[in-house]
PDB file of N, CA and C in Angstrom:
ATOM      1  N   UNK A   1      30.789 -16.143   2.089  1.00  0.00           N
ATOM      2  CA  UNK A   1      29.615 -15.498   1.663  1.00  0.00           C
ATOM      3  C   UNK A   1      29.747 -14.077   1.814  1.00  0.00           C
ATOM      4  N   UNK A   2      29.202 -13.335   0.824  1.00  0.00           N
ATOM      5  CA  UNK A   2      29.205 -11.913   0.743  1.00  0.00           C
ATOM      6  C   UNK A   2      27.849 -11.173   1.131  1.00  0.00           C
ATOM      7  N   UNK A   3      27.934 -10.005   1.500  1.00  0.00           N
ATOM      8  CA  UNK A   3      26.486  -9.405   1.797  1.00  0.00           C
ATOM      9  C   UNK A   3      26.118  -9.102   0.407  1.00  0.00           C
ATOM     10  N   UNK A   4      24.719  -9.155   0.442  1.00  0.00           N
ATOM     11  CA  UNK A   4      24.122  -8.739  -0.890  1.00  0.00           C
ATOM     12  C   UNK A   4      22.972  -7.891  -0.458  1.00  0.00           C
ATOM     13  N   UNK A   5      23.002  -6.598  -0.895  1.00  0.00           N
ATOM     14  CA  UNK A   5      22.140  -5.545  -0.515  1.00  0.00           C
ATOM     15  C   UNK A   5      20.659  -5.871  -0.456  1.00  0.00           C
ATOM     16  N   UNK A   6      20.428  -6.641  -1.587  1.00  0.00           N
ATOM     17  CA  UNK A   6      18.848  -6.811  -1.828  1.00  0.00           C
ATOM     18  C   UNK A   6      18.439  -7.900  -1.325  1.00  0.00           C
ATOM     19  N   UNK A   7      19.207  -8.592  -0.449  1.00  0.00           N
ATOM     20  CA  UNK A   7      18.781  -9.885   0.111  1.00  0.00           C
ATOM     21  C   UNK A   7      17.906  -9.575   1.384  1.00  0.00           C
ATOM     22  N   UNK A   8      16.889 -10.406   1.587  1.00  0.00           N
ATOM     23  CA  UNK A   8      16.034 -10.309   2.569  1.00  0.00           C
ATOM     24  C   UNK A   8      16.429 -11.192   3.616  1.00  0.00           C
ATOM     25  N   UNK A   9      16.577 -10.674   4.846  1.00  0.00           N
ATOM     26  CA  UNK A   9      17.127 -11.508   6.120  1.00  0.00           C
ATOM     27  C   UNK A   9      15.845 -11.821   6.796  1.00  0.00           C
ATOM     28  N   UNK A  10      15.624 -13.061   7.146  1.00  0.00           N
ATOM     29  CA  UNK A  10      14.355 -13.211   7.752  1.00  0.00           C
ATOM     30  C   UNK A  10      14.673 -13.872   8.992  1.00  0.00           C
ATOM     31  N   UNK A  11      13.934 -13.615  10.204  1.00  0.00           N
ATOM     32  CA  UNK A  11      14.415 -14.183  11.717  1.00  0.00           C
ATOM     33  C   UNK A  11      13.740 -15.694  11.629  1.00  0.00           C
ATOM     34  N   UNK A  12      14.339 -16.434  12.509  1.00  0.00           N
ATOM     35  CA  UNK A  12      13.943 -17.832  12.625  1.00  0.00           C
ATOM     36  C   UNK A  12      12.166 -17.925  12.755  1.00  0.00           C
ATOM     37  N   UNK A  13      11.630 -18.564  12.037  1.00  0.00           N
ATOM     38  CA  UNK A  13      10.139 -18.741  12.332  1.00  0.00           C
ATOM     39  C   UNK A  13       9.373 -17.743  11.663  1.00  0.00           C
ATOM     40  N   UNK A  14       9.959 -16.536  10.994  1.00  0.00           N
ATOM     41  CA  UNK A  14       9.132 -15.648  10.002  1.00  0.00           C
ATOM     42  C   UNK A  14       8.789 -16.342   8.579  1.00  0.00           C
ATOM     43  N   UNK A  15       7.507 -16.244   8.240  1.00  0.00           N
ATOM     44  CA  UNK A  15       7.167 -16.758   7.071  1.00  0.00           C
ATOM     45  C   UNK A  15       7.412 -15.966   5.894  1.00  0.00           C
ATOM     46  N   UNK A  16       7.175 -14.551   6.045  1.00  0.00           N
ATOM     47  CA  UNK A  16       7.531 -13.674   5.258  1.00  0.00           C
ATOM     48  C   UNK A  16       7.807 -12.179   5.636  1.00  0.00           C
ATOM     49  N   UNK A  17       8.270 -11.411   4.766  1.00  0.00           N
ATOM     50  CA  UNK A  17       8.646 -10.186   5.182  1.00  0.00           C
ATOM     51  C   UNK A  17       7.282  -9.130   5.373  1.00  0.00           C
ATOM     52  N   UNK A  18       6.982  -8.228   6.318  1.00  0.00           N
ATOM     53  CA  UNK A  18       6.173  -7.661   6.709  1.00  0.00           C
ATOM     54  C   UNK A  18       5.665  -6.695   5.506  1.00  0.00           C
ATOM     55  N   UNK A  19       4.442  -6.274   5.212  1.00  0.00           N
ATOM     56  CA  UNK A  19       3.930  -5.675   3.951  1.00  0.00           C
ATOM     57  C   UNK A  19       4.561  -4.408   4.261  1.00  0.00           C
ATOM     58  N   UNK A  20       4.449  -3.473   3.237  1.00  0.00           N
ATOM     59  CA  UNK A  20       4.892  -2.155   3.091  1.00  0.00           C
ATOM     60  C   UNK A  20       3.707  -1.269   3.826  1.00  0.00           C
ATOM     61  N   UNK A  21       3.895  -0.239   4.464  1.00  0.00           N
ATOM     62  CA  UNK A  21       3.005   0.651   5.203  1.00  0.00           C
ATOM     63  C   UNK A  21       2.020   1.391   4.022  1.00  0.00           C
ATOM     64  N   UNK A  22       2.591   1.569   2.544  1.00  0.00           N
ATOM     65  CA  UNK A  22       1.573   1.981   1.726  1.00  0.00           C
ATOM     66  C   UNK A  22       1.409   0.931   0.907  1.00  0.00           C
ATOM     67  N   UNK A  23       0.149   1.155   0.067  1.00  0.00           N
ATOM     68  CA  UNK A  23      -0.168   0.000  -1.003  1.00  0.00           C
ATOM     69  C   UNK A  23      -0.275   0.923  -2.280  1.00  0.00           C
ATOM     70  N   UNK A  24       0.233   0.369  -3.389  1.00  0.00           N
ATOM     71  CA  UNK A  24       0.384   0.939  -4.700  1.00  0.00           C
ATOM     72  C   UNK A  24      -0.615   0.397  -5.632  1.00  0.00           C
ATOM     73  N   UNK A  25      -0.512   0.706  -6.747  1.00  0.00           N
ATOM     74  CA  UNK A  25      -1.618   0.459  -7.783  1.00  0.00           C
ATOM     75  C   UNK A  25      -1.659  -1.127  -8.167  1.00  0.00           C
ATOM     76  N   UNK A  26      -0.394  -1.879  -8.147  1.00  0.00           N
ATOM     77  CA  UNK A  26      -0.442  -3.157  -8.687  1.00  0.00           C
ATOM     78  C   UNK A  26      -1.062  -4.040  -7.487  1.00  0.00           C
ATOM     79  N   UNK A  27      -1.002  -3.636  -6.070  1.00  0.00           N
ATOM     80  CA  UNK A  27      -1.925  -4.386  -5.272  1.00  0.00           C
ATOM     81  C   UNK A  27      -3.304  -3.938  -5.042  1.00  0.00           C
ATOM     82  N   UNK A  28      -3.595  -2.787  -5.401  1.00  0.00           N
ATOM     83  CA  UNK A  28      -4.975  -2.433  -5.533  1.00  0.00           C
ATOM     84  C   UNK A  28      -5.574  -3.387  -6.692  1.00  0.00           C
ATOM     85  N   UNK A  29      -5.040  -3.414  -7.698  1.00  0.00           N
ATOM     86  CA  UNK A  29      -5.611  -4.102  -8.800  1.00  0.00           C
ATOM     87  C   UNK A  29      -5.661  -5.495  -8.489  1.00  0.00           C
ATOM     88  N   UNK A  30      -4.897  -6.053  -7.715  1.00  0.00           N
ATOM     89  CA  UNK A  30      -4.972  -7.474  -7.199  1.00  0.00           C
ATOM     90  C   UNK A  30      -6.198  -7.536  -6.134  1.00  0.00           C
ATOM     91  N   UNK A  31      -6.329  -6.689  -5.348  1.00  0.00           N
ATOM     92  CA  UNK A  31      -7.434  -6.824  -4.297  1.00  0.00           C
ATOM     93  C   UNK A  31      -8.840  -6.478  -4.789  1.00  0.00           C
ATOM     94  N   UNK A  32      -8.770  -5.568  -5.822  1.00  0.00           N
ATOM     95  CA  UNK A  32     -10.109  -5.311  -6.587  1.00  0.00           C
ATOM     96  C   UNK A  32     -10.546  -5.991  -7.911  1.00  0.00           C
ATOM     97  N   UNK A  33      -9.432  -6.431  -8.332  1.00  0.00           N
ATOM     98  CA  UNK A  33      -9.630  -7.004  -9.707  1.00  0.00           C
ATOM     99  C   UNK A  33     -10.128  -5.872 -10.748  1.00  0.00           C
ATOM    100  N   UNK A  34      -9.311  -4.781 -10.522  1.00  0.00           N
ATOM    101  CA  UNK A  34      -9.669  -3.868 -11.572  1.00  0.00           C
ATOM    102  C   UNK A  34      -8.400  -3.467 -12.401  1.00  0.00           C
ATOM    103  N   UNK A  35      -8.542  -2.422 -13.383  1.00  0.00           N
ATOM    104  CA  UNK A  35      -7.544  -2.116 -14.322  1.00  0.00           C
ATOM    105  C   UNK A  35      -6.546  -1.139 -13.642  1.00  0.00           C
ATOM    106  N   UNK A  36      -5.561  -0.654 -13.972  1.00  0.00           N
ATOM    107  CA  UNK A  36      -4.624   0.159 -13.518  1.00  0.00           C
ATOM    108  C   UNK A  36      -5.145   1.659 -13.498  1.00  0.00           C
ATOM    109  N   UNK A  37      -5.659   1.962 -14.472  1.00  0.00           N
ATOM    110  CA  UNK A  37      -6.220   3.249 -14.358  1.00  0.00           C
ATOM    111  C   UNK A  37      -7.381   3.522 -13.273  1.00  0.00           C
ATOM    112  N   UNK A  38      -8.034   2.312 -13.069  1.00  0.00           N
ATOM    113  CA  UNK A  38      -9.167   2.499 -11.897  1.00  0.00           C
ATOM    114  C   UNK A  38      -8.483   2.450 -10.593  1.00  0.00           C
ATOM    115  N   UNK A  39      -7.394   1.759 -10.498  1.00  0.00           N
ATOM    116  CA  UNK A  39      -6.734   1.541  -9.224  1.00  0.00           C
ATOM    117  C   UNK A  39      -6.063   2.959  -8.857  1.00  0.00           C
ATOM    118  N   UNK A  40      -5.402   3.648 -10.002  1.00  0.00           N
ATOM    119  CA  UNK A  40      -4.955   5.035  -9.667  1.00  0.00           C
ATOM    120  C   UNK A  40      -6.038   5.912  -9.303  1.00  0.00           C
ATOM    121  N   UNK A  41      -7.123   5.947  -9.671  1.00  0.00           N
ATOM    122  CA  UNK A  41      -8.369   6.435  -9.424  1.00  0.00           C
ATOM    123  C   UNK A  41      -8.813   6.266  -8.195  1.00  0.00           C
ATOM    124  N   UNK A  42      -8.734   5.390  -7.637  1.00  0.00           N
ATOM    125  CA  UNK A  42      -9.229   4.892  -6.242  1.00  0.00           C
ATOM    126  C   UNK A  42      -8.177   5.441  -5.257  1.00  0.00           C
ATOM    127  N   UNK A  43      -6.821   5.440  -5.495  1.00  0.00           N
ATOM    128  CA  UNK A  43      -5.844   5.759  -4.966  1.00  0.00           C
ATOM    129  C   UNK A  43      -5.963   7.467  -4.589  1.00  0.00           C
ATOM    130  N   UNK A  44      -6.170   8.031  -5.809  1.00  0.00           N
ATOM    131  CA  UNK A  44      -6.472   9.706  -5.780  1.00  0.00           C
ATOM    132  C   UNK A  44      -7.358   9.851  -4.854  1.00  0.00           C
ATOM    133  N   UNK A  45      -8.400   9.207  -5.001  1.00  0.00           N
ATOM    134  CA  UNK A  45      -9.796   9.527  -4.337  1.00  0.00           C
ATOM    135  C   UNK A  45      -9.469   9.182  -2.533  1.00  0.00           C
ATOM    136  N   UNK A  46      -8.768   8.282  -2.279  1.00  0.00           N
ATOM    137  CA  UNK A  46      -8.632   7.990  -0.922  1.00  0.00           C
ATOM    138  C   UNK A  46      -7.494   8.928  -0.282  1.00  0.00           C
ATOM    139  N   UNK A  47      -6.671   9.244  -1.135  1.00  0.00           N
ATOM    140  CA  UNK A  47      -5.532  10.444  -0.737  1.00  0.00           C
ATOM    141  C   UNK A  47      -6.149  11.652  -0.357  1.00  0.00           C
ATOM    142  N   UNK A  48      -6.910  12.188  -1.419  1.00  0.00           N
ATOM    143  CA  UNK A  48      -7.873  13.139  -1.324  1.00  0.00           C
ATOM    144  C   UNK A  48      -8.670  13.294   0.275  1.00  0.00           C
ATOM    145  N   UNK A  49      -9.341  12.275   0.485  1.00  0.00           N
ATOM    146  CA  UNK A  49     -10.197  12.203   1.661  1.00  0.00           C
ATOM    147  C   UNK A  49      -9.169  12.318   2.891  1.00  0.00           C
ATOM    148  N   UNK A  50      -7.949  11.609   2.756  1.00  0.00           N
ATOM    149  CA  UNK A  50      -7.065  11.679   4.080  1.00  0.00           C
ATOM    150  C   UNK A  50      -6.313  13.239   4.173  1.00  0.00           C
ATOM    151  N   UNK A  51      -6.337  13.684   2.967  1.00  0.00           N
ATOM    152  CA  UNK A  51      -5.474  15.202   2.992  1.00  0.00           C
ATOM    153  C   UNK A  51      -6.530  16.028   3.502  1.00  0.00           C
ATOM    154  N   UNK A  52      -7.881  15.818   3.024  1.00  0.00           N
ATOM    155  CA  UNK A  52      -9.046  17.024   3.408  1.00  0.00           C
ATOM    156  C   UNK A  52      -9.371  16.795   4.878  1.00  0.00           C
ATOM    157  N   UNK A  53      -9.233  15.452   5.393  1.00  0.00           N
ATOM    158  CA  UNK A  53      -9.374  15.361   6.756  1.00  0.00           C
ATOM    159  C   UNK A  53      -8.345  15.889   7.589  1.00  0.00           C
ATOM    160  N   UNK A  54      -7.048  16.116   7.278  1.00  0.00           N
ATOM    161  CA  UNK A  54      -5.827  16.331   7.777  1.00  0.00           C
ATOM    162  C   UNK A  54      -5.194  15.185   8.375  1.00  0.00           C
ATOM    163  N   UNK A  55      -5.381  14.036   7.799  1.00  0.00           N
ATOM    164  CA  UNK A  55      -4.693  12.921   8.567  1.00  0.00           C
ATOM    165  C   UNK A  55      -3.358  12.518   7.969  1.00  0.00           C
ATOM    166  N   UNK A  56      -3.325  13.024   6.855  1.00  0.00           N
ATOM    167  CA  UNK A  56      -1.948  12.847   5.965  1.00  0.00           C
ATOM    168  C   UNK A  56      -1.589  14.267   5.430  1.00  0.00           C
ATOM    169  N   UNK A  57      -0.422  14.530   5.044  1.00  0.00           N
ATOM    170  CA  UNK A  57       0.040  15.561   4.327  1.00  0.00           C
ATOM    171  C   UNK A  57       0.370  15.281   3.151  1.00  0.00           C
ATOM    172  N   UNK A  58       0.186  16.202   2.160  1.00  0.00           N
ATOM    173  CA  UNK A  58       0.410  16.081   0.595  1.00  0.00           C
ATOM    174  C   UNK A  58       1.885  15.488   0.093  1.00  0.00           C
ATOM    175  N   UNK A  59       2.822  15.536   1.184  1.00  0.00           N
ATOM    176  CA  UNK A  59       4.121  15.198   0.734  1.00  0.00           C
ATOM    177  C   UNK A  59       4.470  13.580   0.601  1.00  0.00           C
ATOM    178  N   UNK A  60       3.396  12.983   1.155  1.00  0.00           N
ATOM    179  CA  UNK A  60       3.507  11.424   1.080  1.00  0.00           C
ATOM    180  C   UNK A  60       3.580  11.068  -0.541  1.00  0.00           C
ATOM    181  N   UNK A  61       4.161   9.946  -0.687  1.00  0.00           N
ATOM    182  CA  UNK A  61       4.458   9.339  -2.051  1.00  0.00           C
ATOM    183  C   UNK A  61       3.116   9.192  -2.659  1.00  0.00           C
ATOM    184  N   UNK A  62       3.079  10.165  -4.073  1.00  0.00           N
ATOM    185  CA  UNK A  62       1.885   9.919  -4.825  1.00  0.00           C
ATOM    186  C   UNK A  62       1.750   8.605  -5.492  1.00  0.00           C
ATOM    187  N   UNK A  63       0.577   8.149  -5.629  1.00  0.00           N
ATOM    188  CA  UNK A  63       0.496   7.047  -6.269  1.00  0.00           C
ATOM    189  C   UNK A  63       0.405   5.725  -5.314  1.00  0.00           C
ATOM    190  N   UNK A  64       0.284   6.297  -3.885  1.00  0.00           N
ATOM    191  CA  UNK A  64       0.097   5.253  -3.032  1.00  0.00           C
ATOM    192  C   UNK A  64      -0.659   6.027  -1.718  1.00  0.00           C
ATOM    193  N   UNK A  65      -1.239   5.102  -0.998  1.00  0.00           N
ATOM    194  CA  UNK A  65      -2.088   5.367   0.085  1.00  0.00           C
ATOM    195  C   UNK A  65      -1.776   4.316   1.177  1.00  0.00           C
ATOM    196  N   UNK A  66      -2.104   4.792   2.327  1.00  0.00           N
ATOM    197  CA  UNK A  66      -1.785   3.890   3.576  1.00  0.00           C
ATOM    198  C   UNK A  66      -2.550   2.401   3.562  1.00  0.00           C
ATOM    199  N   UNK A  67      -2.100   1.324   3.769  1.00  0.00           N
ATOM    200  CA  UNK A  67      -2.566   0.176   3.526  1.00  0.00           C
ATOM    201  C   UNK A  67      -3.712   0.081   4.466  1.00  0.00           C
ATOM    202  N   UNK A  68      -3.643   0.222   5.654  1.00  0.00           N
ATOM    203  CA  UNK A  68      -4.580   0.059   6.589  1.00  0.00           C
ATOM    204  C   UNK A  68      -5.894   0.843   6.111  1.00  0.00           C
ATOM    205  N   UNK A  69      -5.690   2.124   5.871  1.00  0.00           N
ATOM    206  CA  UNK A  69      -6.817   2.952   5.313  1.00  0.00           C
ATOM    207  C   UNK A  69      -7.541   2.339   4.073  1.00  0.00           C
ATOM    208  N   UNK A  70      -6.634   2.071   3.121  1.00  0.00           N
ATOM    209  CA  UNK A  70      -7.255   1.205   1.925  1.00  0.00           C
ATOM    210  C   UNK A  70      -8.233   0.053   2.498  1.00  0.00           C
ATOM    211  N   UNK A  71      -7.658  -0.773   3.211  1.00  0.00           N
ATOM    212  CA  UNK A  71      -8.328  -2.050   3.559  1.00  0.00           C
ATOM    213  C   UNK A  71      -9.807  -1.585   4.461  1.00  0.00           C
ATOM    214  N   UNK A  72      -9.624  -0.775   5.164  1.00  0.00           N
ATOM    215  CA  UNK A  72     -10.543  -0.325   6.010  1.00  0.00           C
ATOM    216  C   UNK A  72     -11.784   0.311   5.168  1.00  0.00           C
ATOM    217  N   UNK A  73     -11.497   1.114   4.001  1.00  0.00           N
ATOM    218  CA  UNK A  73     -12.337   1.658   3.210  1.00  0.00           C
ATOM    219  C   UNK A  73     -13.186   0.791   2.186  1.00  0.00           C
ATOM    220  N   UNK A  74     -12.265  -0.230   1.832  1.00  0.00           N
ATOM    221  CA  UNK A  74     -12.741  -1.012   0.921  1.00  0.00           C
ATOM    222  C   UNK A  74     -13.393  -2.442   1.675  1.00  0.00           C
ATOM    223  N   UNK A  75     -13.564  -2.363   2.774  1.00  0.00           N
ATOM    224  CA  UNK A  75     -14.028  -3.585   3.781  1.00  0.00           C
ATOM    225  C   UNK A  75     -13.254  -4.736   3.448  1.00  0.00           C
ATOM    226  N   UNK A  76     -12.036  -4.766   3.503  1.00  0.00           N
ATOM    227  CA  UNK A  76     -11.297  -5.881   2.995  1.00  0.00           C
ATOM    228  C   UNK A  76     -10.544  -6.523   4.518  1.00  0.00           C
ATOM    229  N   UNK A  77     -10.781  -7.721   4.820  1.00  0.00           N
ATOM    230  CA  UNK A  77     -10.313  -8.157   6.084  1.00  0.00           C
ATOM    231  C   UNK A  77      -8.985  -8.992   5.682  1.00  0.00           C
ATOM    232  N   UNK A  78      -7.980  -9.146   6.348  1.00  0.00           N
ATOM    233  CA  UNK A  78      -6.817 -10.079   6.129  1.00  0.00           C
ATOM    234  C   UNK A  78      -6.664 -10.718   7.270  1.00  0.00           C
TER     235      UNK A  78
END
């Protein structure tokens, strides 16, 4: 049995992999049921809020926003 670099190794009892720290447009579309353009518009707005508040710096990946902030601002509970 060889090592596969793309394989996800799960610990015993783990149901799925942990979600990413950042959320992108496809997931925003899934949560809000909107189209891709609207998802990116929402992400741009949330990023601008965070940058203006000094909570993140402009160097974080564009087209993504911290998952926790997105869920908090959109009032989504998981």
